[in-house]
Amino acid sequence: EQSKRDLLKWIPELSPDNVKVVMLASAKLPSLSKMTPAGMEKLKSNEYLFYVGGVDPRKGLVELVKSMEAVWQKNAKLHLVIAGKDALSPDAQDAIRLRKVIANSSRPDQILTP
């Protein structure tokens, strides 16, 4: 629920009814405060699916990004937002692989990282 409160704080235009929290593990979640203003602007006008957590092969992020192809067939407006530890790390191997998968997707502009 803290993630929901943080998200609503940073994007006040969101309706609390449209934010659902799905917990997969117990850990402190990162803050959205590092997201760029341009990234925040994109969030105001689209539909999104958020992933908040570490970039780790066990989390299935590569599979999530690849599965977005099928999701976009049903909802072309949906954007995937990935936020968490090592999401932009220039030297973390898992993040490097994830960035390559994002770049090779059919809609890399609909996959946002802070």
Protein backbone atom coordinates (compact mmCIF):
# COMPACT_ATOMS: atom_id res chain seq x y z
CA GLU A 1 0.00 0.00 0.00
CA GLN A 2 2.93 2.37 0.53
CA SER A 3 3.76 2.01 -3.17
CA LYS A 4 0.20 3.03 -4.01
CA ARG A 5 0.46 6.10 -1.77
CA ASP A 6 3.83 7.02 -3.32
CA LEU A 7 2.43 6.65 -6.83
CA LEU A 8 -0.61 8.79 -6.04
CA LYS A 9 1.64 11.39 -4.45
CA TRP A 10 3.86 11.66 -7.53
CA ILE A 11 0.99 11.47 -10.04
CA PRO A 12 -1.93 13.22 -8.33
CA GLU A 13 -4.13 12.94 -11.44
CA LEU A 14 -4.41 9.18 -10.91
CA SER A 15 -7.58 7.92 -9.34
CA PRO A 16 -6.90 5.70 -6.30
CA ASP A 17 -9.52 3.30 -7.70
CA ASN A 18 -7.31 2.70 -10.74
CA VAL A 19 -4.22 1.70 -8.75
CA LYS A 20 -4.02 -1.92 -7.61
CA VAL A 21 -1.11 -3.28 -5.56
CA VAL A 22 0.02 -6.85 -6.11
CA MET A 23 2.71 -7.93 -3.66
CA LEU A 24 5.10 -10.69 -4.67
CA ALA A 25 7.72 -10.35 -1.96
CA SER A 26 8.28 -8.51 1.27
CA ALA A 27 10.93 -5.88 0.75
CA LYS A 28 11.27 -2.13 0.88
CA LEU A 29 10.13 -0.72 -2.44
CA PRO A 30 12.12 2.02 -4.17
CA SER A 31 10.90 5.60 -4.38
CA LEU A 32 9.54 7.11 -7.58
CA SER A 33 11.44 10.31 -6.84
CA LYS A 34 14.16 9.44 -9.37
CA MET A 35 11.78 9.47 -12.34
CA THR A 36 12.50 12.28 -14.79
CA PRO A 37 9.92 15.02 -15.42
CA ALA A 38 9.56 13.82 -19.02
CA GLY A 39 8.79 10.33 -17.77
CA MET A 40 6.21 11.69 -15.34
CA GLU A 41 4.49 13.60 -18.18
CA LYS A 42 4.12 10.38 -20.21
CA LEU A 43 2.43 8.72 -17.24
CA LYS A 44 -0.34 11.30 -17.09
CA SER A 45 -1.92 10.47 -20.45
CA ASN A 46 -1.74 6.71 -20.87
CA GLU A 47 -2.78 3.37 -19.40
CA TYR A 48 0.03 1.60 -17.56
CA LEU A 49 1.20 -1.56 -15.93
CA PHE A 50 3.85 -0.92 -13.27
CA TYR A 51 6.63 -3.24 -12.20
CA VAL A 52 8.44 -2.04 -9.08
CA GLY A 53 11.34 -4.17 -7.91
CA GLY A 54 14.82 -5.39 -8.68
CA VAL A 55 16.09 -6.38 -12.10
CA ASP A 56 16.82 -10.02 -11.42
CA PRO A 57 16.35 -13.01 -13.76
CA ARG A 58 14.16 -14.70 -11.13
CA LYS A 59 11.64 -11.84 -11.42
CA GLY A 60 10.83 -12.68 -15.05
CA LEU A 61 11.21 -9.16 -16.45
CA VAL A 62 12.54 -10.35 -19.81
CA GLU A 63 9.50 -12.60 -20.11
CA LEU A 64 7.23 -9.74 -19.02
CA VAL A 65 8.61 -7.45 -21.72
CA LYS A 66 8.28 -10.18 -24.35
CA SER A 67 4.70 -10.91 -23.26
CA MET A 68 3.76 -7.29 -23.85
CA GLU A 69 3.56 -8.12 -27.58
CA ALA A 70 0.47 -10.24 -26.88
CA VAL A 71 -0.93 -7.66 -24.45
CA TRP A 72 -0.62 -4.91 -27.07
CA GLN A 73 -2.77 -6.99 -29.45
CA LYS A 74 -5.64 -6.52 -26.96
CA ASN A 75 -4.74 -3.08 -25.57
CA ALA A 76 -2.47 -1.00 -27.78
CA LYS A 77 -2.55 1.92 -25.33
CA LEU A 78 -1.00 0.07 -22.40
CA HIS A 79 2.47 1.17 -21.32
CA LEU A 80 4.79 -0.89 -19.14
CA VAL A 81 6.71 1.05 -16.47
CA ILE A 82 9.72 -0.65 -14.91
CA ALA A 83 11.10 0.96 -11.76
CA GLY A 84 13.51 -0.48 -9.27
CA LYS A 85 17.04 -1.32 -8.34
CA ASP A 86 19.42 -1.58 -11.30
CA ALA A 87 16.72 -0.68 -13.84
CA LEU A 88 19.11 1.78 -15.46
CA SER A 89 22.43 0.50 -14.15
CA PRO A 90 24.90 0.76 -17.05
CA ASP A 91 26.94 -2.24 -15.95
CA ALA A 92 24.50 -4.68 -14.31
CA GLN A 93 24.33 -7.64 -16.70
CA ASP A 94 20.65 -8.33 -16.06
CA ALA A 95 19.79 -4.68 -16.76
CA ILE A 96 21.86 -4.74 -19.97
CA ARG A 97 19.96 -7.82 -21.18
CA LEU A 98 16.63 -6.23 -20.24
CA ARG A 99 17.46 -3.02 -22.13
CA LYS A 100 18.28 -5.08 -25.24
CA VAL A 101 14.94 -6.89 -25.04
CA ILE A 102 13.15 -3.55 -24.61
CA ALA A 103 15.00 -2.05 -27.60
CA ASN A 104 14.04 -5.04 -29.76
CA SER A 105 10.36 -4.97 -28.80
CA SER A 106 7.85 -3.69 -31.33
CA ARG A 107 6.98 -0.71 -29.09
CA PRO A 108 10.04 0.30 -27.07
CA ASP A 109 8.53 3.75 -26.61
CA GLN A 110 5.74 2.12 -24.56
CA ILE A 111 8.16 0.59 -22.07
CA LEU A 112 9.30 3.26 -19.64
CA THR A 113 12.15 3.12 -17.17
CA PRO A 114 12.88 5.91 -14.69
